[in-house]
Each structure stands twice: as C-alpha cells, then as structure tokens.
Amino acid sequence: MPEPLTPALDRLRPLLLDTEGLVRAVASGHRRSEHPDPARAELRPVELRSGRQLQVTATDGRIPVTRNYAPQEAGAAVDALLGQPFGNWHVETRDQVVQLRVTKRGEAQVHTSQQSVEAVDAGHDKAKNHLIDPADPLFRVLGADGAKRRQVDAFLRQLAPIARKVKPEGRPLRVVDLGCGNAYLTMAAHRYLSAEIDPDVQTLGVDIRPEMAERNARVAAEAGLEGLRFKAASIEEAAVDPEFTGVDIVLALHACDTATDDSLALAVRWRAKGVLAAPCCHNDVQRQLQAADGIPFAGLTRHAILRERFADVLTDSIRADLLRLLGYRVEVVEFIDSKHTPRNALIRAVHTGTAPTARRVAEYTEMVASWQVKPALADRLAPEVEAVLA
C-alpha cells in the first residue's frame, strides 16, 4: 500500500549508512516533472587503508564520478541524495532487499524481501551494471531465471537509446507491444522506461488470447506496474482500433513468420518514431525460395538447413531495406548471444523522414527480383512502397 514518502525515505537512511550491512544501493529515475541531479547514484561499502567507507558513484547519464566518504562525511552525502527527486530506490543489505518507488501522487510504494548474504564484498571490483537490478521484485513475480534476466538486460540496452530519442514533449511516452505473449519483456520495458525515461509512460501489450491478457494484467498488478495495460486483440483488430493513436514505439518481439511483417506495417501506418522487432521463424520466404526457378547461387538454397538460414538473412535484409525506403534509419543488430536464444537478430529503427536515394531503391528492387520473392511487408504496405518505387 502507498505510504507517505518522507518517513519511508527516512527508514532508508540507516540502511545506507550501515557500511557493515549494506551490500549496494541504487537511486534512479525521476519523479513527475522533477529531475534529480545526479541522474543516477550507486552506493556500496569499500575497504580502504583508512578503514571502511561509503562509496558513491554518481552519473549525469554520461560521465560517472566516484567519491569515497568517511563515516563522519557519509551522513551529509546520503542526506543530499535522499533529498533529490529520484523515482526509485533499491537498497540491498545482508538480510533484506528494500525497493522504494515513488508513485505519481508522490507517495512511496515500498516492497521488502528477506535474503541472506554471508559477507559483504567491500573490494574495488564493481558489480555488473544491470539496467534493472536482478533483485528487483519484478523478476520474482515473473519467475525469471538468469537466462531471462540476461535477455531482459540485452533488450533494454537496445531500447534505451531509442526511447530517449523519441520521447515526446508535453505528453507521456506511448509504447505498444504487438503479440506480447507472456509479456516478461513488455513488463521489464515498462519498469525501466517508467524509472529512467518517463514516469508517466503508457504501455499497452496486445495478444490475441484473452486468457493471456488477463494473466499478464494480474502479474503486472502484483509487480506494481502502473500505466501498463493489456488488451486481447489481433494485429488486424489493433490496426482499426481508435485507441491506438499517437504511438511512439512499437515492439514486436518473437512474432512468428509474417506476424512480424504485420507489426512492422502497423508501426509504419501509425507513424511510430521507434521500432524494435525480434523476428522469429521465416517460413514465408523459405517456401518462396524452395519454389523459385533459376535463382542465383542455387547452392545457397539447395539444402534445407542452408535454405532456412539464408531465408532468415534475406527476409530481415528485405525488411530493413523497406523500412529505409519509408524514411527510417535502420540497424540490424545482435539481440543477445546465440547461446541464450537462436533467434537473436533485432531490427532497430528510428523514423527520420529521409527520402530514399535512387541507389537504395535500385538495391531493393534488384534484390527481390534476383531472388524471386514477394516480401510480405511490401504486400502489407503496397501503397506506400509503390509510391516510393514510382
């Protein structure tokens, strides 16, 4: 339950100053219409020749500055940080984890869980900088193991720069995840965006299965995710739903086969400024390659395993080229190491409105003609593509 903010912050103070019991603490995010200086701070005990001190690493989002505070100085440093309008505090001690989040009404939502840590490592080896702390209650609610947490972290590192770039002025950031499934990436994205980018962010997860939308809504409520909703709808239904207006970022993560194309087409039609898509299977182009006659370098598609892998590359190359033709700056990057998931390509796009060059147009038309494929995305966006190619 929400509680008054000041006494909740006061309870954090002795935990932060107890260098024998503190493991680490992170202050991040911002409150509504307020921005802390620094933007983020991490606290941990360190063992120096002069004794144990409190180390504070503060950053403005670009350059981290680290300073060590002796016991007689630490109180003032901690008070200064507690006085800043951070949106979130994560405090981990030897026996508990305290998560404090400031609500839109300026109240504190506090979650405390017990843990057992044998000893606090006060050496100088810095812990890995996770975008969402592994001890965040969200992961407990989701039942996320180490592999899922790594996937979350990898995805957020791709999402973060786009979200900062496309965040609108004067209204909340709006994000839609099409085909969200069990939505653990949707929820992680919302947690990160609300803490670091926009406390008023509005996120909508869309899945065709009503039972999945209901399940996700329950999990999100248990995790305390405000501003996140789920809707049971197909991509086709979302395309004509007036609720979907002013979308800034479209996510399509592991949508199967041409469902990725449906999502990308919808992002273009919605004029979304940011798009992140992690395609899954590529059966449509595989079938076309198998049926094609007289294509170049037939050895690339003669064997089933090679045809499958080449279809992956060709499909995503075509998708990237089409988005470029339609005014997006596009990168295709590794989502996460292939040992964690075999489907590890991520199409990342930001709308710039730049008109395509004649060379870009020629590259696209030559590629689809040579391989005798009819891209699903080009079919979904036929009027827009024809206007560019004319």
Protein backbone atom coordinates (compact mmCIF):
# COMPACT_ATOMS: atom_id res chain seq x y z
CA MET A 1 0.00 0.00 0.00
CA PRO A 2 1.23 3.54 -0.69
CA GLU A 3 2.53 5.46 2.32
CA PRO A 4 3.89 8.97 2.99
CA LEU A 5 7.19 9.49 1.21
CA THR A 6 9.26 11.33 3.83
CA PRO A 7 9.12 8.68 6.59
CA ALA A 8 9.71 5.95 4.01
CA LEU A 9 12.90 7.70 2.87
CA ASP A 10 13.91 8.27 6.49
CA ARG A 11 13.85 4.50 7.02
CA LEU A 12 16.36 4.06 4.21
CA ARG A 13 18.93 6.37 5.81
CA PRO A 14 20.31 3.99 8.48
CA LEU A 15 20.45 1.17 5.93
CA LEU A 16 22.54 3.32 3.59
CA LEU A 17 24.92 4.41 6.35
CA ASP A 18 25.49 0.91 7.75
CA THR A 19 28.65 0.01 5.81
CA GLU A 20 28.86 -3.32 7.66
CA GLY A 21 25.45 -4.44 6.46
CA LEU A 22 24.95 -2.58 3.17
CA VAL A 23 25.64 -4.58 0.01
CA ARG A 24 24.67 -1.95 -2.53
CA ALA A 25 22.02 0.66 -3.21
CA VAL A 26 20.86 2.36 -6.40
CA ALA A 27 18.90 5.59 -6.77
CA SER A 28 17.48 6.12 -10.26
CA GLY A 29 14.63 7.51 -12.30
CA HIS A 30 12.80 10.73 -11.60
CA ARG A 31 9.50 11.91 -10.22
CA ARG A 32 6.77 13.59 -12.15
CA SER A 33 8.03 16.92 -13.54
CA GLU A 34 11.19 16.70 -11.41
CA HIS A 35 14.68 15.56 -12.35
CA PRO A 36 17.41 14.63 -9.87
CA ASP A 37 20.99 15.79 -10.08
CA PRO A 38 22.76 13.40 -10.48
CA ALA A 39 20.53 11.30 -12.71
CA ARG A 40 21.63 8.06 -11.03
CA ALA A 41 23.67 7.13 -7.96
CA GLU A 42 25.06 3.83 -6.75
CA LEU A 43 26.25 3.33 -3.16
CA ARG A 44 28.38 0.49 -1.78
CA PRO A 45 30.86 -0.06 1.05
CA VAL A 46 34.58 -0.15 0.20
CA GLU A 47 37.54 -1.22 2.29
CA LEU A 48 40.40 1.30 2.18
CA ARG A 49 43.62 1.57 4.14
CA SER A 50 41.98 4.14 6.38
CA GLY A 51 39.04 1.83 7.06
CA ARG A 52 35.65 1.06 5.60
CA GLN A 53 33.97 3.94 3.78
CA LEU A 54 30.84 4.58 1.75
CA GLN A 55 31.49 4.81 -1.99
CA VAL A 56 29.06 6.83 -4.11
CA THR A 57 29.19 6.66 -7.90
CA ALA A 58 27.03 9.40 -9.42
CA THR A 59 26.35 9.98 -13.10
CA ASP A 60 24.55 12.54 -15.22
CA GLY A 61 23.85 9.80 -17.77
CA ARG A 62 27.22 10.21 -19.47
CA ILE A 63 30.18 10.54 -17.11
CA PRO A 64 30.29 8.66 -13.77
CA VAL A 65 32.02 10.34 -10.83
CA THR A 66 33.09 8.19 -7.87
CA ARG A 67 33.82 9.52 -4.38
CA ASN A 68 34.51 7.76 -1.07
CA TYR A 69 33.06 9.16 2.16
CA ALA A 70 34.48 8.59 5.63
CA PRO A 71 31.88 7.85 8.36
CA GLN A 72 31.80 11.47 9.54
CA GLU A 73 31.06 12.68 5.98
CA ALA A 74 28.70 9.94 4.82
CA GLY A 75 25.62 11.27 6.60
CA ALA A 76 25.61 14.56 4.71
CA ALA A 77 26.21 12.76 1.39
CA VAL A 78 23.32 10.35 1.98
CA ASP A 79 21.00 13.17 3.10
CA ALA A 80 21.78 15.07 -0.10
CA LEU A 81 20.86 12.05 -2.22
CA LEU A 82 17.69 11.33 -0.25
CA GLY A 83 16.69 14.94 -0.87
CA GLN A 84 16.91 14.52 -4.64
CA PRO A 85 13.69 13.66 -6.57
CA PHE A 86 14.69 10.12 -7.53
CA GLY A 87 11.79 7.93 -8.63
CA ASN A 88 13.25 4.67 -7.33
CA TRP A 89 15.50 3.43 -4.54
CA HIS A 90 16.82 -0.12 -4.45
CA VAL A 91 18.66 -0.96 -1.21
CA GLU A 92 20.23 -4.36 -0.67
CA THR A 93 21.65 -5.33 2.73
CA ARG A 94 22.94 -8.57 4.18
CA ASP A 95 19.48 -9.63 5.30
CA GLN A 96 16.93 -7.75 3.20
CA VAL A 97 16.14 -6.02 -0.08
CA VAL A 98 14.10 -2.83 0.07
CA GLN A 99 12.53 -1.47 -3.12
CA LEU A 100 11.01 2.02 -2.86
CA ARG A 101 9.14 3.51 -5.81
CA VAL A 102 7.57 6.98 -5.84
CA THR A 103 4.05 6.92 -7.26
CA LYS A 104 2.51 9.58 -9.49
CA ARG A 105 0.83 11.03 -6.39
CA GLY A 106 4.18 11.47 -4.68
CA GLU A 107 3.68 8.61 -2.24
CA ALA A 108 6.03 5.71 -1.54
CA GLN A 109 5.34 2.15 -2.65
CA VAL A 110 7.72 0.01 -0.57
CA HIS A 111 8.45 -3.68 -1.02
CA THR A 112 10.75 -5.53 1.39
CA SER A 113 12.01 -9.08 0.97
CA GLN A 114 14.36 -11.14 3.09
CA GLN A 115 17.68 -12.51 1.90
CA SER A 116 20.82 -14.00 3.41
CA VAL A 117 24.27 -12.79 2.35
CA GLU A 118 27.22 -14.35 4.14
CA ALA A 119 29.55 -11.39 3.79
CA VAL A 120 29.72 -8.03 2.09
CA ASP A 121 32.46 -7.79 -0.52
CA ALA A 122 33.97 -4.35 0.03
CA GLY A 123 36.69 -4.73 -2.58
CA HIS A 124 37.06 -2.49 -5.61
CA ASP A 125 35.62 -4.91 -8.21
CA LYS A 126 32.48 -3.19 -9.38
CA ALA A 127 29.30 -5.22 -9.82
CA LYS A 128 27.86 -5.50 -13.29
CA ASN A 129 25.68 -2.51 -14.13
CA HIS A 130 22.25 -4.04 -14.77
CA LEU A 131 19.55 -1.79 -16.19
CA ILE A 132 17.06 -3.49 -13.86
CA ASP A 133 18.57 -4.84 -10.68
CA PRO A 134 18.49 -8.67 -10.54
CA ALA A 135 16.92 -8.38 -7.07
CA ASP A 136 14.00 -6.30 -8.39
CA PRO A 137 10.69 -7.86 -7.23
CA LEU A 138 9.59 -7.92 -10.87
CA PHE A 139 11.86 -10.89 -11.56
CA ARG A 140 10.45 -12.77 -8.58
CA VAL A 141 6.90 -12.20 -9.80
CA LEU A 142 7.85 -13.31 -13.31
CA GLY A 143 9.83 -16.30 -12.08
CA ALA A 144 12.67 -15.17 -14.35
CA ASP A 145 15.88 -17.20 -14.23
CA GLY A 146 19.37 -15.97 -15.07
CA ALA A 147 18.93 -16.52 -18.81
CA LYS A 148 15.75 -14.44 -18.90
CA ARG A 149 17.37 -11.68 -16.85
CA ARG A 150 20.26 -11.54 -19.32
CA GLN A 151 17.78 -11.35 -22.20
CA VAL A 152 15.93 -8.53 -20.43
CA ASP A 153 19.15 -6.60 -19.90
CA ALA A 154 20.24 -7.08 -23.52
CA PHE A 155 16.87 -5.91 -24.81
CA LEU A 156 16.75 -2.84 -22.58
CA ARG A 157 20.19 -1.75 -23.78
CA GLN A 158 18.76 -1.68 -27.31
CA LEU A 159 15.53 0.04 -26.26
CA ALA A 160 17.01 2.75 -24.03
CA PRO A 161 18.68 4.99 -26.66
CA ILE A 162 15.63 4.86 -28.92
CA ALA A 163 13.28 5.73 -26.07
CA ARG A 164 15.40 8.74 -25.13
CA LYS A 165 15.50 9.88 -28.74
CA VAL A 166 11.77 9.63 -29.49
CA LYS A 167 10.31 10.69 -26.12
CA PRO A 168 7.72 13.38 -26.92
CA GLU A 169 7.42 16.74 -25.21
CA GLY A 170 4.24 17.64 -23.40
CA ARG A 171 2.68 14.18 -23.17
CA PRO A 172 3.56 10.69 -21.94
CA LEU A 173 5.65 8.29 -24.00
CA ARG A 174 3.37 5.65 -25.58
CA VAL A 175 4.59 2.11 -26.25
CA VAL A 176 2.71 -0.80 -27.84
CA ASP A 177 3.96 -4.40 -27.83
CA LEU A 178 2.20 -6.40 -30.54
CA GLY A 179 1.94 -10.13 -29.91
CA CYS A 180 3.34 -9.75 -26.40
CA GLY A 181 2.80 -13.37 -25.30
CA ASN A 182 3.71 -13.84 -21.63
CA ALA A 183 4.97 -10.24 -21.68
CA TYR A 184 8.04 -10.53 -19.49
CA LEU A 185 9.94 -8.22 -21.86
CA THR A 186 6.91 -5.90 -22.01
CA MET A 187 6.85 -5.63 -18.23
CA ALA A 188 10.61 -5.19 -17.97
CA ALA A 189 10.49 -2.46 -20.62
CA HIS A 190 7.74 -0.65 -18.74
CA ARG A 191 9.61 -0.93 -15.44
CA TYR A 192 12.77 0.52 -17.00
CA LEU A 193 11.04 3.25 -19.00
CA SER A 194 8.98 4.45 -16.04
CA ALA A 195 12.09 4.56 -13.84
CA GLU A 196 14.60 6.07 -16.27
CA ILE A 197 12.82 7.76 -19.19
CA ASP A 198 9.28 8.89 -18.36
CA PRO A 199 7.44 8.18 -15.07
CA ASP A 200 4.14 8.68 -16.94
CA VAL A 201 4.91 6.22 -19.76
CA GLN A 202 1.87 4.36 -21.08
CA THR A 203 2.50 0.80 -22.27
CA LEU A 204 -0.04 -1.48 -23.93
CA GLY A 205 0.58 -5.17 -24.50
CA VAL A 206 -1.53 -6.80 -27.22
CA ASP A 207 -2.10 -10.54 -27.56
CA ILE A 208 -4.83 -12.39 -29.38
CA ARG A 209 -5.51 -14.74 -26.44
CA PRO A 210 -7.90 -13.29 -23.81
CA GLU A 211 -6.58 -15.63 -21.11
CA MET A 212 -3.04 -14.37 -21.72
CA ALA A 213 -4.11 -10.73 -21.48
CA GLU A 214 -5.89 -11.49 -18.18
CA ARG A 215 -2.88 -13.38 -16.80
CA ASN A 216 -0.49 -10.58 -17.77
CA ALA A 217 -2.70 -7.96 -16.15
CA ARG A 218 -2.68 -9.93 -12.87
CA VAL A 219 1.10 -10.31 -12.93
CA ALA A 220 1.59 -6.61 -13.72
CA ALA A 221 -0.65 -5.63 -10.81
CA GLU A 222 1.29 -7.94 -8.47
CA ALA A 223 4.54 -6.32 -9.63
CA GLY A 224 3.13 -2.83 -9.00
CA LEU A 225 3.41 -1.70 -12.63
CA GLU A 226 1.26 1.42 -13.04
CA GLY A 227 0.48 2.66 -16.54
CA LEU A 228 0.78 -0.82 -18.10
CA ARG A 229 -2.32 -2.41 -19.64
CA PHE A 230 -3.05 -5.50 -21.70
CA LYS A 231 -5.63 -6.00 -24.40
CA ALA A 232 -6.88 -9.12 -26.13
CA ALA A 233 -6.83 -8.33 -29.86
CA SER A 234 -5.30 -9.46 -33.11
CA ILE A 235 -2.89 -7.25 -35.02
CA GLU A 236 -5.62 -6.73 -37.61
CA GLU A 237 -8.03 -5.54 -34.90
CA ALA A 238 -5.40 -3.21 -33.45
CA ALA A 239 -4.97 -1.66 -36.90
CA VAL A 240 -8.52 -0.29 -36.90
CA ASP A 241 -8.91 0.37 -33.16
CA PRO A 242 -9.10 4.14 -32.45
CA GLU A 243 -7.45 3.52 -29.08
CA PHE A 244 -4.12 3.12 -30.87
CA THR A 245 -3.26 6.72 -31.66
CA GLY A 246 -0.08 8.64 -31.04
CA VAL A 247 2.08 5.53 -30.61
CA ASP A 248 5.76 6.42 -30.21
CA ILE A 249 7.40 2.99 -30.02
CA VAL A 250 6.21 -0.34 -31.43
CA LEU A 251 7.68 -3.59 -30.15
CA ALA A 252 7.32 -6.91 -31.97
CA LEU A 253 9.36 -9.48 -30.10
CA HIS A 254 9.49 -13.02 -31.49
CA ALA A 255 6.34 -12.65 -33.57
CA CYS A 256 6.13 -15.73 -35.78
CA ASP A 257 6.73 -15.56 -39.54
CA THR A 258 4.65 -12.84 -41.26
CA ALA A 259 3.24 -11.60 -37.94
CA THR A 260 6.46 -9.58 -37.77
CA ASP A 261 5.56 -8.02 -41.12
CA ASP A 262 2.05 -7.25 -39.87
CA SER A 263 3.57 -5.49 -36.85
CA LEU A 264 6.12 -3.54 -38.88
CA ALA A 265 3.44 -2.44 -41.33
CA LEU A 266 1.28 -1.24 -38.48
CA ALA A 267 4.21 0.69 -37.00
CA VAL A 268 4.68 2.48 -40.32
CA ARG A 269 0.96 3.21 -40.66
CA TRP A 270 0.88 4.55 -37.10
CA ARG A 271 3.91 6.71 -37.93
CA ALA A 272 5.71 5.28 -34.91
CA LYS A 273 9.02 7.02 -34.35
CA GLY A 274 10.76 3.97 -32.89
CA VAL A 275 10.50 0.28 -33.80
CA LEU A 276 12.16 -2.78 -32.29
CA ALA A 277 11.40 -6.17 -33.81
CA ALA A 278 13.00 -9.51 -32.99
CA PRO A 279 11.76 -11.80 -35.79
CA CYS A 280 11.12 -15.47 -35.18
CA CYS A 281 10.63 -18.06 -37.94
CA HIS A 282 10.86 -17.02 -41.61
CA ASN A 283 8.74 -19.68 -43.31
CA ASP A 284 7.18 -17.43 -45.95
CA VAL A 285 10.45 -16.64 -47.74
CA GLN A 286 11.70 -20.21 -47.23
CA ARG A 287 8.71 -21.51 -49.21
CA GLN A 288 9.27 -18.96 -51.97
CA LEU A 289 12.95 -19.85 -52.28
CA GLN A 290 12.14 -23.54 -52.50
CA ALA A 291 9.65 -22.91 -55.31
CA ALA A 292 11.82 -20.43 -57.23
CA ASP A 293 13.42 -21.43 -60.53
CA GLY A 294 16.67 -20.02 -61.87
CA ILE A 295 17.67 -18.04 -58.83
CA PRO A 296 21.35 -17.05 -58.48
CA PHE A 297 23.75 -19.16 -56.43
CA ALA A 298 21.31 -22.06 -56.18
CA GLY A 299 23.68 -23.83 -53.82
CA LEU A 300 22.66 -21.41 -51.11
CA THR A 301 19.14 -22.82 -51.09
CA ARG A 302 19.61 -26.42 -52.25
CA HIS A 303 19.93 -27.90 -48.76
CA ALA A 304 17.15 -27.42 -46.23
CA ILE A 305 19.34 -26.23 -43.36
CA LEU A 306 21.15 -23.70 -45.57
CA ARG A 307 17.87 -22.57 -47.14
CA GLU A 308 16.41 -21.96 -43.68
CA ARG A 309 19.40 -19.90 -42.54
CA PHE A 310 19.62 -17.95 -45.78
CA ALA A 311 15.88 -17.22 -45.65
CA ASP A 312 16.40 -15.67 -42.21
CA VAL A 313 19.08 -13.35 -43.57
CA LEU A 314 17.21 -12.48 -46.77
CA THR A 315 13.90 -11.80 -45.01
CA ASP A 316 15.38 -9.44 -42.45
CA SER A 317 17.52 -7.72 -45.10
CA ILE A 318 14.37 -7.03 -47.12
CA ARG A 319 12.53 -5.76 -44.05
CA ALA A 320 15.38 -3.42 -43.19
CA ASP A 321 15.58 -2.11 -46.75
CA LEU A 322 11.84 -1.47 -46.91
CA LEU A 323 11.90 0.48 -43.66
CA ARG A 324 14.80 2.58 -45.02
CA LEU A 325 12.82 3.31 -48.17
CA LEU A 326 9.95 4.51 -45.98
CA GLY A 327 12.01 7.02 -44.01
CA TYR A 328 13.55 5.03 -41.16
CA ARG A 329 17.16 4.79 -40.09
CA VAL A 330 17.65 1.06 -39.55
CA GLU A 331 20.14 -1.21 -37.87
CA VAL A 332 20.02 -5.00 -37.64
CA VAL A 333 21.96 -5.99 -34.54
CA GLU A 334 22.57 -8.98 -32.32
CA PHE A 335 19.83 -9.09 -29.69
CA ILE A 336 21.64 -11.43 -27.30
CA ASP A 337 24.37 -14.04 -27.60
CA SER A 338 23.19 -17.03 -29.66
CA LYS A 339 23.92 -19.39 -26.76
CA HIS A 340 20.90 -17.87 -24.98
CA THR A 341 18.50 -17.92 -27.96
CA PRO A 342 18.99 -18.98 -31.61
CA ARG A 343 16.69 -16.16 -32.80
CA ASN A 344 18.96 -13.29 -31.84
CA ALA A 345 18.60 -10.67 -34.58
CA LEU A 346 16.93 -7.38 -33.69
CA ILE A 347 15.65 -4.84 -36.22
CA ARG A 348 16.00 -1.42 -34.61
CA ALA A 349 14.58 1.59 -36.45
CA VAL A 350 14.05 5.30 -35.83
CA HIS A 351 11.92 7.42 -38.15
CA THR A 352 13.82 10.34 -39.68
CA GLY A 353 11.66 11.07 -42.72
CA THR A 354 14.70 10.95 -45.01
CA ALA A 355 13.75 10.24 -48.62
CA PRO A 356 15.46 7.21 -50.18
CA THR A 357 18.21 7.67 -52.74
CA ALA A 358 17.97 6.18 -56.21
CA ARG A 359 20.71 3.75 -55.22
CA ARG A 360 18.71 2.49 -52.24
CA VAL A 361 15.66 1.96 -54.43
CA ALA A 362 17.72 0.06 -57.00
CA GLU A 363 19.32 -2.16 -54.34
CA TYR A 364 15.90 -3.21 -53.07
CA THR A 365 14.32 -3.87 -56.45
CA GLU A 366 17.34 -5.85 -57.66
CA MET A 367 17.38 -8.00 -54.53
CA VAL A 368 13.74 -9.07 -54.66
CA ALA A 369 13.88 -9.60 -58.43
CA SER A 370 17.04 -11.71 -58.26
CA TRP A 371 15.70 -14.00 -55.56
CA GLN A 372 12.15 -14.07 -56.97
CA VAL A 373 10.44 -13.30 -53.68
CA LYS A 374 7.38 -11.23 -52.90
CA PRO A 375 8.01 -9.74 -49.44
CA ALA A 376 5.07 -9.89 -47.07
CA LEU A 377 5.94 -6.44 -45.71
CA ALA A 378 5.85 -4.95 -49.21
CA ASP A 379 2.42 -6.52 -49.69
CA ARG A 380 1.13 -5.09 -46.40
CA LEU A 381 2.44 -1.63 -47.31
CA ALA A 382 1.72 -1.78 -51.04
CA PRO A 383 0.50 1.84 -51.48
CA GLU A 384 3.44 3.28 -49.55
CA VAL A 385 6.03 1.11 -51.29
CA GLU A 386 4.60 1.73 -54.76
CA ALA A 387 4.76 5.49 -54.14
CA VAL A 388 8.46 5.24 -53.28
CA LEU A 389 9.31 2.98 -56.22
CA ALA A 390 7.37 5.04 -58.76
